[in-house]
């Protein structure tokens, strides 16, 4: 773990309203919208983050520092990171831009073998310029209104 980092940026099934929303072992201190640079590939049941220059819209979950180790251990298991010889995702530290204008370091999970999914469909930016996975492809104002 990196000292001082207590946030996790999620862009797929771990977001609110998605199938793994309830897999977090602890309630967050806060959740806010954020963006990172990358590219999303749609793997059907879940997305894969790979290197790229698109703006990916997701959620920045801030975790109490006392809950961070247990939270990352649970997320590592979900993302198949550090569990066996071959990782599905790799946990890394990224720069996340909040919609309020702050820049924060956060953990996120990037697909470990991007060369294996080059033919998977790209998640293209919406009219607002952001890429988002699954049912979150409405406008940013629609997303904000539902919360």
Protein backbone atom coordinates (compact mmCIF):
# COMPACT_ATOMS: atom_id res chain seq x y z
CA UNK A 1 0.00 0.00 0.00
CA UNK A 2 1.07 3.57 -0.61
CA UNK A 3 1.14 5.79 2.48
CA UNK A 4 -1.55 8.46 2.69
CA UNK A 5 -3.77 7.11 -0.09
CA UNK A 6 -7.23 6.23 1.20
CA UNK A 7 -9.35 6.44 -1.97
CA UNK A 8 -10.30 3.88 -4.60
CA UNK A 9 -11.49 4.88 -8.09
CA UNK A 10 -14.03 2.42 -9.53
CA UNK A 11 -15.56 2.45 -13.01
CA UNK A 12 -17.53 -0.77 -13.31
CA UNK A 13 -19.34 -3.35 -11.22
CA UNK A 14 -18.21 -1.89 -7.86
CA UNK A 15 -20.04 1.41 -8.43
CA UNK A 16 -23.30 2.28 -6.73
CA UNK A 17 -26.21 0.59 -8.47
CA UNK A 18 -24.02 -2.11 -10.01
CA UNK A 19 -23.88 -5.85 -9.22
CA UNK A 20 -20.90 -5.66 -6.83
CA UNK A 21 -21.93 -2.48 -5.02
CA UNK A 22 -22.55 -4.51 -1.84
CA UNK A 23 -19.17 -6.29 -1.92
CA UNK A 24 -17.39 -3.43 -0.15
CA UNK A 25 -16.57 -4.65 3.40
CA UNK A 26 -16.97 -1.16 4.92
CA UNK A 27 -19.09 1.88 4.18
CA UNK A 28 -17.07 4.70 2.60
CA UNK A 29 -16.35 8.01 4.30
CA UNK A 30 -17.52 9.64 1.05
CA UNK A 31 -18.18 8.95 -2.62
CA UNK A 32 -17.81 11.51 -5.39
CA UNK A 33 -17.62 11.53 -9.16
CA UNK A 34 -14.15 11.52 -10.65
CA UNK A 35 -12.34 11.00 -13.92
CA UNK A 36 -9.10 9.35 -14.95
CA UNK A 37 -7.30 8.93 -18.26
CA UNK A 38 -7.53 5.56 -19.92
CA UNK A 39 -9.61 3.47 -22.23
CA UNK A 40 -12.45 1.11 -21.35
CA UNK A 41 -13.07 -2.20 -23.08
CA UNK A 42 -16.47 -3.85 -22.64
CA UNK A 43 -15.96 -7.49 -21.69
CA UNK A 44 -19.69 -8.12 -21.34
CA UNK A 45 -20.15 -8.79 -17.63
CA UNK A 46 -17.59 -6.17 -16.63
CA UNK A 47 -15.32 -3.50 -18.12
CA UNK A 48 -11.54 -3.49 -18.42
CA UNK A 49 -9.45 -0.36 -17.95
CA UNK A 50 -6.38 -0.15 -20.19
CA UNK A 51 -3.96 2.63 -21.11
CA UNK A 52 -5.42 5.41 -23.24
CA UNK A 53 -6.31 9.09 -23.42
CA UNK A 54 -10.09 9.01 -22.97
CA UNK A 55 -11.66 10.51 -19.84
CA UNK A 56 -13.22 7.67 -17.83
CA UNK A 57 -16.02 8.71 -15.47
CA UNK A 58 -16.34 6.71 -12.28
CA UNK A 59 -16.68 6.96 -8.53
CA UNK A 60 -14.00 7.92 -6.05
CA UNK A 61 -14.65 6.05 -2.80
CA UNK A 62 -12.78 7.48 0.20
CA UNK A 63 -12.18 4.80 2.83
CA UNK A 64 -11.41 5.29 6.53
CA UNK A 65 -7.70 4.58 6.97
CA UNK A 66 -8.49 1.94 9.64
CA UNK A 67 -10.61 0.03 7.10
CA UNK A 68 -8.26 0.39 4.13
CA UNK A 69 -6.26 -2.85 4.43
CA UNK A 70 -9.38 -5.00 4.77
CA UNK A 71 -11.08 -3.10 1.94
CA UNK A 72 -8.16 -3.52 -0.46
CA UNK A 73 -7.87 -7.21 0.44
CA UNK A 74 -11.56 -7.71 -0.43
CA UNK A 75 -11.27 -5.72 -3.68
CA UNK A 76 -8.08 -7.58 -4.64
CA UNK A 77 -10.02 -10.86 -4.38
CA UNK A 78 -12.89 -9.50 -6.49
CA UNK A 79 -10.48 -8.19 -9.15
CA UNK A 80 -8.33 -11.38 -9.11
CA UNK A 81 -5.21 -9.47 -8.09
CA UNK A 82 -2.46 -11.17 -6.07
CA UNK A 83 -4.53 -14.33 -5.65
CA UNK A 84 -2.57 -16.74 -7.87
CA UNK A 85 0.12 -16.84 -10.56
CA UNK A 86 -1.85 -14.87 -13.14
CA UNK A 87 -3.60 -11.62 -12.21
CA UNK A 88 -6.72 -10.55 -14.08
CA UNK A 89 -6.30 -6.95 -12.87
CA UNK A 90 -3.41 -5.05 -11.31
CA UNK A 91 -3.96 -2.55 -8.50
CA UNK A 92 -2.12 0.72 -9.13
CA UNK A 93 -2.03 4.31 -7.95
CA UNK A 94 -3.47 6.88 -10.37
CA UNK A 95 -4.34 10.58 -10.48
CA UNK A 96 -8.08 11.12 -10.22
CA UNK A 97 -9.71 14.43 -11.14
CA UNK A 98 -12.86 15.10 -9.13
CA UNK A 99 -15.70 16.97 -10.78
CA UNK A 100 -15.23 19.67 -8.12
CA UNK A 101 -11.76 20.33 -9.56
CA UNK A 102 -9.48 18.55 -7.06
CA UNK A 103 -6.78 16.08 -8.10
CA UNK A 104 -6.27 13.12 -5.77
CA UNK A 105 -4.20 10.00 -5.79
CA UNK A 106 -6.27 6.84 -5.61
CA UNK A 107 -6.02 3.13 -6.16
CA UNK A 108 -7.69 1.59 -9.19
CA UNK A 109 -7.59 -1.72 -11.02
CA UNK A 110 -6.18 -1.87 -14.55
CA UNK A 111 -6.55 -4.94 -16.78
CA UNK A 112 -3.36 -7.01 -16.45
CA UNK A 113 -3.15 -8.40 -20.01
CA UNK A 114 -4.41 -5.68 -22.39
CA UNK A 115 -3.01 -7.48 -25.46
CA UNK A 116 -5.55 -10.26 -24.85
CA UNK A 117 -8.57 -7.96 -25.24
CA UNK A 118 -7.67 -5.71 -28.18
CA UNK A 119 -10.71 -6.98 -30.09
CA UNK A 120 -13.15 -6.33 -27.23
CA UNK A 121 -15.52 -3.42 -27.97
CA UNK A 122 -14.38 0.01 -26.87
CA UNK A 123 -16.61 2.02 -24.56
CA UNK A 124 -16.84 5.26 -26.52
CA UNK A 125 -17.23 8.73 -25.01
CA UNK A 126 -20.78 10.04 -24.64
CA UNK A 127 -21.88 13.50 -25.76
CA UNK A 128 -20.47 14.91 -22.50
CA UNK A 129 -17.00 13.61 -23.42
CA UNK A 130 -16.82 10.92 -20.73
CA UNK A 131 -16.58 7.16 -21.15
CA UNK A 132 -18.67 5.14 -18.72
CA UNK A 133 -19.61 1.48 -18.58
CA UNK A 134 -23.08 -0.19 -18.81
CA UNK A 135 -26.25 1.66 -17.75
CA UNK A 136 -24.30 4.78 -16.83
CA UNK A 137 -24.19 6.03 -20.40
CA UNK A 138 -26.73 8.82 -19.94
CA UNK A 139 -25.72 12.44 -19.62
CA UNK A 140 -23.74 13.66 -16.64
CA UNK A 141 -26.76 15.67 -15.49
CA UNK A 142 -28.83 12.45 -15.46
CA UNK A 143 -26.20 10.78 -13.29
CA UNK A 144 -26.06 13.68 -10.87
CA UNK A 145 -29.86 13.89 -10.65
CA UNK A 146 -30.23 10.24 -9.66
CA UNK A 147 -28.13 10.70 -6.53
